[in-house]
Amino acid sequence: MLRKSDVTDLIYEKKRLAGLTWASIAEGIGMSEVFVTSACLGMNALPRDKADKLVINLGLPQEAGVVLAEYPTKEWDRTVPTDPCIYRLYEIVGVYGPTLKELIQEKSGNGIMSAIDFEMSVDKVPNPKGERIEIRMSGKFLSYNSW
């Protein structure tokens, strides 16, 4: 019986051996690069038809389609990340989190940005000072109820 972590390992292997990118894998099933990558890493569920298409495209065992479509348990290690790329994102939230919260609430009221009704993209942007990475996040505003 395959687990999400097993399927992730299989996908990494197929991706490496075939010289694929996350963008090409996502394009092959007609979905967003960020969402498909997240699902392949076990943090989201693909619609069953898209999971089955990914299985065919990568030559994975059929059972992998069932696993890719299963609802995930969204847990992660709560220690400070040591991978430099992930740590920088952690640091950004630590430094700018209170600022973002203030600005979101000043502009929209008492509430939060949804990570459920949510889209994100990652792009490389040319810059005279050196390449930049642009991360765009768009989430529905959810206001807190008063009762």
N, C-alpha and C. Protein backbone atom coordinates (compact mmCIF):
# COMPACT_ATOMS: atom_id res chain seq x y z
N MET A 1 0.85 -1.19 0.00
CA MET A 1 0.00 0.00 0.00
C MET A 1 0.89 1.24 0.00
N LEU A 2 0.68 2.10 -0.98
CA LEU A 2 1.48 3.32 -1.10
C LEU A 2 0.97 4.41 -0.16
N ARG A 3 1.90 5.15 0.41
CA ARG A 3 1.59 6.34 1.21
C ARG A 3 1.96 7.58 0.38
N LYS A 4 1.50 8.74 0.81
CA LYS A 4 1.83 9.98 0.08
C LYS A 4 3.34 10.15 -0.05
N SER A 5 4.08 9.84 1.00
CA SER A 5 5.54 9.99 0.94
C SER A 5 6.16 9.04 -0.08
N ASP A 6 5.58 7.84 -0.24
CA ASP A 6 6.06 6.89 -1.25
C ASP A 6 5.85 7.45 -2.66
N VAL A 7 4.66 8.02 -2.87
CA VAL A 7 4.34 8.57 -4.18
C VAL A 7 5.25 9.77 -4.48
N THR A 8 5.50 10.59 -3.48
CA THR A 8 6.43 11.72 -3.66
C THR A 8 7.80 11.21 -4.10
N ASP A 9 8.29 10.17 -3.44
CA ASP A 9 9.59 9.59 -3.81
C ASP A 9 9.58 9.09 -5.25
N LEU A 10 8.50 8.41 -5.66
CA LEU A 10 8.39 7.91 -7.03
C LEU A 10 8.38 9.07 -8.04
N ILE A 11 7.67 10.13 -7.70
CA ILE A 11 7.60 11.28 -8.60
C ILE A 11 8.97 11.94 -8.74
N TYR A 12 9.66 12.12 -7.62
CA TYR A 12 11.01 12.70 -7.68
C TYR A 12 11.91 11.86 -8.59
N GLU A 13 11.82 10.54 -8.47
CA GLU A 13 12.65 9.65 -9.28
C GLU A 13 12.31 9.80 -10.77
N LYS A 14 11.02 9.76 -11.11
CA LYS A 14 10.60 9.89 -12.51
C LYS A 14 10.98 11.26 -13.06
N LYS A 15 10.80 12.29 -12.26
CA LYS A 15 11.14 13.66 -12.67
C LYS A 15 12.62 13.76 -12.99
N ARG A 16 13.45 13.23 -12.12
CA ARG A 16 14.90 13.29 -12.30
C ARG A 16 15.33 12.49 -13.53
N LEU A 17 14.86 11.26 -13.63
CA LEU A 17 15.27 10.39 -14.73
C LEU A 17 14.83 10.91 -16.10
N ALA A 18 13.67 11.55 -16.14
CA ALA A 18 13.15 12.06 -17.42
C ALA A 18 13.59 13.50 -17.69
N GLY A 19 14.26 14.13 -16.72
CA GLY A 19 14.69 15.51 -16.90
C GLY A 19 13.54 16.49 -16.98
N LEU A 20 12.47 16.22 -16.23
CA LEU A 20 11.27 17.06 -16.26
C LEU A 20 11.39 18.22 -15.28
N THR A 21 10.56 19.22 -15.50
CA THR A 21 10.42 20.33 -14.55
C THR A 21 9.03 20.24 -13.93
N TRP A 22 8.84 20.92 -12.80
CA TRP A 22 7.50 20.96 -12.21
C TRP A 22 6.53 21.63 -13.18
N ALA A 23 7.01 22.65 -13.90
CA ALA A 23 6.15 23.34 -14.87
C ALA A 23 5.68 22.38 -15.96
N SER A 24 6.57 21.53 -16.46
CA SER A 24 6.17 20.60 -17.53
C SER A 24 5.22 19.52 -17.00
N ILE A 25 5.43 19.09 -15.77
CA ILE A 25 4.52 18.10 -15.17
C ILE A 25 3.13 18.71 -15.02
N ALA A 26 3.07 19.96 -14.52
CA ALA A 26 1.78 20.64 -14.34
C ALA A 26 1.10 20.90 -15.68
N GLU A 27 1.88 21.34 -16.66
CA GLU A 27 1.33 21.59 -17.99
C GLU A 27 0.73 20.32 -18.59
N GLY A 28 1.36 19.19 -18.31
CA GLY A 28 0.89 17.91 -18.83
C GLY A 28 -0.47 17.50 -18.32
N ILE A 29 -0.89 18.07 -17.19
CA ILE A 29 -2.24 17.75 -16.68
C ILE A 29 -3.14 18.99 -16.66
N GLY A 30 -2.64 20.12 -17.17
CA GLY A 30 -3.46 21.31 -17.29
C GLY A 30 -3.79 22.01 -15.99
N MET A 31 -2.82 22.03 -15.07
CA MET A 31 -3.04 22.70 -13.79
C MET A 31 -1.86 23.61 -13.46
N SER A 32 -2.01 24.39 -12.39
CA SER A 32 -0.98 25.33 -11.95
C SER A 32 0.27 24.62 -11.45
N GLU A 33 1.42 25.19 -11.79
CA GLU A 33 2.71 24.65 -11.37
C GLU A 33 2.82 24.57 -9.84
N VAL A 34 2.40 25.62 -9.14
CA VAL A 34 2.50 25.63 -7.68
C VAL A 34 1.60 24.57 -7.07
N PHE A 35 0.35 24.49 -7.52
CA PHE A 35 -0.58 23.53 -6.93
C PHE A 35 -0.15 22.10 -7.20
N VAL A 36 0.26 21.81 -8.42
CA VAL A 36 0.67 20.44 -8.77
C VAL A 36 1.91 20.05 -7.98
N THR A 37 2.87 20.96 -7.86
CA THR A 37 4.06 20.66 -7.07
C THR A 37 3.68 20.35 -5.63
N SER A 38 2.80 21.18 -5.06
CA SER A 38 2.34 20.96 -3.69
C SER A 38 1.65 19.61 -3.54
N ALA A 39 0.82 19.24 -4.50
CA ALA A 39 0.14 17.94 -4.45
C ALA A 39 1.14 16.80 -4.58
N CYS A 40 2.13 16.96 -5.45
CA CYS A 40 3.15 15.92 -5.61
C CYS A 40 4.00 15.76 -4.36
N LEU A 41 4.11 16.82 -3.58
CA LEU A 41 4.86 16.77 -2.32
C LEU A 41 3.97 16.35 -1.15
N GLY A 42 2.70 16.05 -1.43
CA GLY A 42 1.81 15.50 -0.41
C GLY A 42 0.99 16.50 0.38
N MET A 43 1.02 17.79 0.00
CA MET A 43 0.33 18.80 0.79
C MET A 43 -1.02 19.23 0.21
N ASN A 44 -1.39 18.71 -0.95
CA ASN A 44 -2.70 18.98 -1.55
C ASN A 44 -3.17 17.72 -2.27
N ALA A 45 -4.45 17.69 -2.62
CA ALA A 45 -5.02 16.56 -3.35
C ALA A 45 -5.36 17.00 -4.76
N LEU A 46 -5.00 16.19 -5.74
CA LEU A 46 -5.37 16.46 -7.12
C LEU A 46 -6.77 15.92 -7.38
N PRO A 47 -7.54 16.58 -8.27
CA PRO A 47 -8.78 15.95 -8.71
C PRO A 47 -8.44 14.59 -9.31
N ARG A 48 -9.31 13.62 -9.14
CA ARG A 48 -9.00 12.25 -9.54
C ARG A 48 -8.60 12.13 -11.01
N ASP A 49 -9.30 12.84 -11.90
CA ASP A 49 -8.96 12.74 -13.32
C ASP A 49 -7.56 13.29 -13.60
N LYS A 50 -7.17 14.34 -12.89
CA LYS A 50 -5.83 14.92 -13.06
C LYS A 50 -4.77 14.00 -12.46
N ALA A 51 -5.10 13.38 -11.33
CA ALA A 51 -4.17 12.43 -10.70
C ALA A 51 -3.92 11.25 -11.63
N ASP A 52 -4.99 10.74 -12.24
CA ASP A 52 -4.84 9.62 -13.17
C ASP A 52 -4.01 10.00 -14.39
N LYS A 53 -4.20 11.23 -14.88
CA LYS A 53 -3.42 11.70 -16.03
C LYS A 53 -1.94 11.82 -15.66
N LEU A 54 -1.66 12.32 -14.45
CA LEU A 54 -0.28 12.43 -14.00
C LEU A 54 0.37 11.05 -13.90
N VAL A 55 -0.38 10.09 -13.40
CA VAL A 55 0.11 8.70 -13.29
C VAL A 55 0.50 8.17 -14.68
N ILE A 56 -0.35 8.40 -15.66
CA ILE A 56 -0.05 7.95 -17.02
C ILE A 56 1.17 8.69 -17.57
N ASN A 57 1.18 10.01 -17.43
CA ASN A 57 2.27 10.82 -17.97
C ASN A 57 3.63 10.43 -17.40
N LEU A 58 3.66 10.09 -16.10
CA LEU A 58 4.94 9.77 -15.45
C LEU A 58 5.22 8.27 -15.40
N GLY A 59 4.24 7.45 -15.80
CA GLY A 59 4.43 6.01 -15.74
C GLY A 59 4.50 5.49 -14.31
N LEU A 60 3.63 6.03 -13.46
CA LEU A 60 3.57 5.61 -12.06
C LEU A 60 2.61 4.44 -11.91
N PRO A 61 2.71 3.68 -10.81
CA PRO A 61 1.73 2.62 -10.56
C PRO A 61 0.32 3.23 -10.43
N GLN A 62 -0.70 2.51 -10.88
CA GLN A 62 -2.08 3.01 -10.84
C GLN A 62 -2.49 3.46 -9.45
N GLU A 63 -2.04 2.75 -8.43
CA GLU A 63 -2.40 3.09 -7.05
C GLU A 63 -1.98 4.52 -6.70
N ALA A 64 -0.95 5.02 -7.36
CA ALA A 64 -0.48 6.39 -7.09
C ALA A 64 -1.57 7.42 -7.38
N GLY A 65 -2.43 7.14 -8.36
CA GLY A 65 -3.53 8.05 -8.66
C GLY A 65 -4.50 8.19 -7.51
N VAL A 66 -4.78 7.08 -6.86
CA VAL A 66 -5.67 7.09 -5.68
C VAL A 66 -5.03 7.93 -4.58
N VAL A 67 -3.75 7.71 -4.35
CA VAL A 67 -3.02 8.41 -3.28
C VAL A 67 -2.96 9.91 -3.58
N LEU A 68 -2.68 10.28 -4.83
CA LEU A 68 -2.59 11.70 -5.19
C LEU A 68 -3.93 12.42 -5.04
N ALA A 69 -5.03 11.68 -5.12
CA ALA A 69 -6.36 12.28 -4.99
C ALA A 69 -6.88 12.26 -3.55
N GLU A 70 -6.18 11.57 -2.65
CA GLU A 70 -6.62 11.51 -1.25
C GLU A 70 -6.39 12.85 -0.56
N TYR A 71 -7.29 13.16 0.37
CA TYR A 71 -7.14 14.39 1.15
C TYR A 71 -5.89 14.27 2.02
N PRO A 72 -5.04 15.28 2.02
CA PRO A 72 -3.82 15.19 2.82
C PRO A 72 -4.04 15.62 4.27
N THR A 73 -3.15 15.18 5.12
CA THR A 73 -3.03 15.75 6.46
C THR A 73 -1.94 16.80 6.35
N LYS A 74 -2.30 18.05 6.52
CA LYS A 74 -1.36 19.14 6.29
C LYS A 74 -0.58 19.44 7.56
N GLU A 75 0.42 18.63 7.78
CA GLU A 75 1.31 18.81 8.92
C GLU A 75 2.72 18.98 8.40
N TRP A 76 3.51 19.72 9.12
CA TRP A 76 4.91 19.89 8.77
C TRP A 76 5.71 20.02 10.04
N ASP A 77 7.00 19.87 9.89
CA ASP A 77 7.92 19.97 11.01
C ASP A 77 7.85 21.38 11.59
N ARG A 78 7.67 21.50 12.89
CA ARG A 78 7.51 22.81 13.51
C ARG A 78 8.83 23.42 13.99
N THR A 79 9.91 22.76 13.73
CA THR A 79 11.20 23.35 14.08
C THR A 79 11.58 24.38 13.03
N VAL A 80 12.49 25.27 13.39
CA VAL A 80 12.95 26.27 12.43
C VAL A 80 13.63 25.54 11.28
N PRO A 81 13.21 25.81 10.03
CA PRO A 81 13.82 25.10 8.90
C PRO A 81 15.29 25.47 8.74
N THR A 82 16.08 24.51 8.29
CA THR A 82 17.50 24.78 8.08
C THR A 82 17.86 24.89 6.61
N ASP A 83 16.99 24.43 5.71
CA ASP A 83 17.24 24.63 4.29
C ASP A 83 17.22 26.14 4.03
N PRO A 84 18.27 26.69 3.42
CA PRO A 84 18.36 28.15 3.26
C PRO A 84 17.18 28.78 2.52
N CYS A 85 16.68 28.14 1.49
CA CYS A 85 15.56 28.71 0.73
C CYS A 85 14.29 28.75 1.59
N ILE A 86 14.00 27.65 2.26
CA ILE A 86 12.80 27.59 3.11
C ILE A 86 12.97 28.51 4.32
N TYR A 87 14.18 28.57 4.86
CA TYR A 87 14.42 29.45 6.01
C TYR A 87 14.15 30.91 5.65
N ARG A 88 14.56 31.34 4.46
CA ARG A 88 14.34 32.73 4.06
C ARG A 88 12.84 33.05 4.02
N LEU A 89 12.03 32.12 3.56
CA LEU A 89 10.58 32.35 3.56
C LEU A 89 10.05 32.42 4.99
N TYR A 90 10.56 31.55 5.85
CA TYR A 90 10.21 31.56 7.27
C TYR A 90 10.61 32.90 7.88
N GLU A 91 11.81 33.37 7.53
CA GLU A 91 12.31 34.65 8.03
C GLU A 91 11.44 35.81 7.54
N ILE A 92 11.03 35.76 6.28
CA ILE A 92 10.17 36.81 5.73
C ILE A 92 8.88 36.91 6.52
N VAL A 93 8.26 35.76 6.81
CA VAL A 93 7.02 35.78 7.59
C VAL A 93 7.29 36.27 9.02
N GLY A 94 8.43 35.86 9.59
CA GLY A 94 8.78 36.32 10.94
C GLY A 94 8.98 37.83 10.99
N VAL A 95 9.65 38.38 10.00
CA VAL A 95 9.95 39.81 9.98
C VAL A 95 8.74 40.62 9.50
N TYR A 96 8.10 40.17 8.42
CA TYR A 96 7.03 40.95 7.81
C TYR A 96 5.63 40.47 8.14
N GLY A 97 5.49 39.36 8.86
CA GLY A 97 4.16 38.84 9.20
C GLY A 97 3.28 39.86 9.91
N PRO A 98 3.78 40.48 10.99
CA PRO A 98 2.95 41.48 11.66
C PRO A 98 2.59 42.66 10.75
N THR A 99 3.53 43.05 9.88
CA THR A 99 3.26 44.14 8.93
C THR A 99 2.17 43.74 7.95
N LEU A 100 2.28 42.53 7.39
CA LEU A 100 1.26 42.06 6.46
C LEU A 100 -0.11 41.98 7.13
N LYS A 101 -0.14 41.48 8.37
CA LYS A 101 -1.40 41.40 9.11
C LYS A 101 -2.01 42.79 9.27
N GLU A 102 -1.20 43.76 9.69
CA GLU A 102 -1.68 45.13 9.86
C GLU A 102 -2.25 45.69 8.56
N LEU A 103 -1.52 45.51 7.47
CA LEU A 103 -1.95 46.07 6.19
C LEU A 103 -3.19 45.36 5.65
N ILE A 104 -3.26 44.05 5.79
CA ILE A 104 -4.45 43.30 5.36
C ILE A 104 -5.66 43.80 6.13
N GLN A 105 -5.51 43.94 7.45
CA GLN A 105 -6.66 44.33 8.26
C GLN A 105 -7.00 45.81 8.09
N GLU A 106 -6.00 46.65 7.84
CA GLU A 106 -6.29 48.06 7.59
C GLU A 106 -7.07 48.23 6.29
N LYS A 107 -6.73 47.44 5.29
CA LYS A 107 -7.38 47.55 3.98
C LYS A 107 -8.72 46.82 3.92
N SER A 108 -8.87 45.73 4.67
CA SER A 108 -10.06 44.89 4.50
C SER A 108 -10.86 44.66 5.76
N GLY A 109 -10.34 45.01 6.92
CA GLY A 109 -11.06 44.80 8.16
C GLY A 109 -10.48 43.64 8.96
N ASN A 110 -11.17 43.26 10.01
CA ASN A 110 -10.71 42.21 10.92
C ASN A 110 -10.93 40.85 10.28
N GLY A 111 -9.86 40.24 9.82
CA GLY A 111 -9.99 38.94 9.17
C GLY A 111 -8.64 38.42 8.70
N ILE A 112 -8.70 37.45 7.80
CA ILE A 112 -7.49 36.77 7.33
C ILE A 112 -7.55 36.56 5.81
N MET A 113 -6.41 36.25 5.23
CA MET A 113 -6.34 35.84 3.84
C MET A 113 -6.44 34.33 3.80
N SER A 114 -7.37 33.82 3.02
CA SER A 114 -7.57 32.38 2.91
C SER A 114 -6.40 31.71 2.20
N ALA A 115 -6.04 30.53 2.68
CA ALA A 115 -5.10 29.68 1.96
C ALA A 115 -5.86 28.51 1.34
N ILE A 116 -7.19 28.58 1.39
CA ILE A 116 -8.04 27.56 0.77
C ILE A 116 -8.52 28.09 -0.58
N ASP A 117 -9.18 29.25 -0.58
CA ASP A 117 -9.55 29.93 -1.83
C ASP A 117 -8.35 30.80 -2.17
N PHE A 118 -7.35 30.22 -2.82
CA PHE A 118 -6.00 30.77 -2.87
C PHE A 118 -5.31 30.40 -4.17
N GLU A 119 -4.50 31.31 -4.67
CA GLU A 119 -3.64 31.03 -5.83
C GLU A 119 -2.26 31.59 -5.54
N MET A 120 -1.24 30.94 -6.10
CA MET A 120 0.13 31.41 -5.92
C MET A 120 0.91 31.09 -7.18
N SER A 121 1.84 31.99 -7.51
CA SER A 121 2.74 31.73 -8.64
C SER A 121 4.15 32.16 -8.25
N VAL A 122 5.13 31.55 -8.89
CA VAL A 122 6.54 31.87 -8.66
C VAL A 122 7.16 32.12 -10.03
N ASP A 123 7.79 33.28 -10.17
CA ASP A 123 8.41 33.63 -11.44
C ASP A 123 9.81 34.19 -11.23
N LYS A 124 10.63 34.05 -12.25
CA LYS A 124 11.96 34.65 -12.28
C LYS A 124 11.82 35.96 -13.05
N VAL A 125 12.32 37.06 -12.47
CA VAL A 125 12.17 38.38 -13.07
C VAL A 125 13.55 38.99 -13.29
N PRO A 126 13.85 39.42 -14.53
CA PRO A 126 15.15 40.05 -14.77
C PRO A 126 15.24 41.38 -14.03
N ASN A 127 16.44 41.71 -13.60
CA ASN A 127 16.67 42.96 -12.88
C ASN A 127 18.13 43.35 -13.10
N PRO A 128 18.43 44.63 -13.32
CA PRO A 128 19.82 45.03 -13.53
C PRO A 128 20.74 44.66 -12.37
N LYS A 129 20.19 44.52 -11.17
CA LYS A 129 21.01 44.16 -10.00
C LYS A 129 21.16 42.66 -9.85
N GLY A 130 20.56 41.89 -10.74
CA GLY A 130 20.57 40.43 -10.65
C GLY A 130 19.16 39.89 -10.65
N GLU A 131 19.01 38.66 -11.11
CA GLU A 131 17.68 38.04 -11.19
C GLU A 131 16.95 38.14 -9.86
N ARG A 132 15.65 38.33 -9.95
CA ARG A 132 14.79 38.38 -8.78
C ARG A 132 13.80 37.23 -8.86
N ILE A 133 13.30 36.84 -7.72
CA ILE A 133 12.22 35.86 -7.64
C ILE A 133 10.98 36.61 -7.18
N GLU A 134 9.90 36.42 -7.91
CA GLU A 134 8.64 37.07 -7.57
C GLU A 134 7.65 35.99 -7.14
N ILE A 135 7.14 36.11 -5.93
CA ILE A 135 6.12 35.19 -5.42
C ILE A 135 4.83 35.99 -5.29
N ARG A 136 3.81 35.57 -6.01
CA ARG A 136 2.52 36.25 -5.97
C ARG A 136 1.52 35.35 -5.28
N MET A 137 0.85 35.90 -4.26
CA MET A 137 -0.18 35.15 -3.54
C MET A 137 -1.48 35.93 -3.61
N SER A 138 -2.57 35.23 -3.84
CA SER A 138 -3.89 35.84 -3.90
C SER A 138 -4.86 34.93 -3.16
N GLY A 139 -5.37 35.41 -2.03
CA GLY A 139 -6.30 34.62 -1.24
C GLY A 139 -7.54 35.42 -0.92
N LYS A 140 -8.67 34.76 -0.88
CA LYS A 140 -9.93 35.40 -0.54
C LYS A 140 -9.84 35.96 0.88
N PHE A 141 -10.39 37.16 1.08
CA PHE A 141 -10.43 37.73 2.42
C PHE A 141 -11.60 37.12 3.19
N LEU A 142 -11.33 36.63 4.38
CA LEU A 142 -12.36 36.05 5.25
C LEU A 142 -12.44 36.88 6.52
N SER A 143 -13.58 37.55 6.73
CA SER A 143 -13.69 38.35 7.94
C SER A 143 -14.17 37.51 9.11
N TYR A 144 -13.67 37.90 10.27
CA TYR A 144 -14.10 37.25 11.51
C TYR A 144 -15.52 37.67 11.82
N ASN A 145 -16.32 36.75 12.33
CA ASN A 145 -17.70 37.05 12.73
C ASN A 145 -17.72 37.58 14.15
N SER A 146 -18.69 38.43 14.41
CA SER A 146 -18.96 38.90 15.77
C SER A 146 -20.31 38.34 16.19
N TRP A 147 -20.44 37.91 17.42
CA TRP A 147 -21.73 37.40 17.88
C TRP A 147 -21.95 37.74 19.33
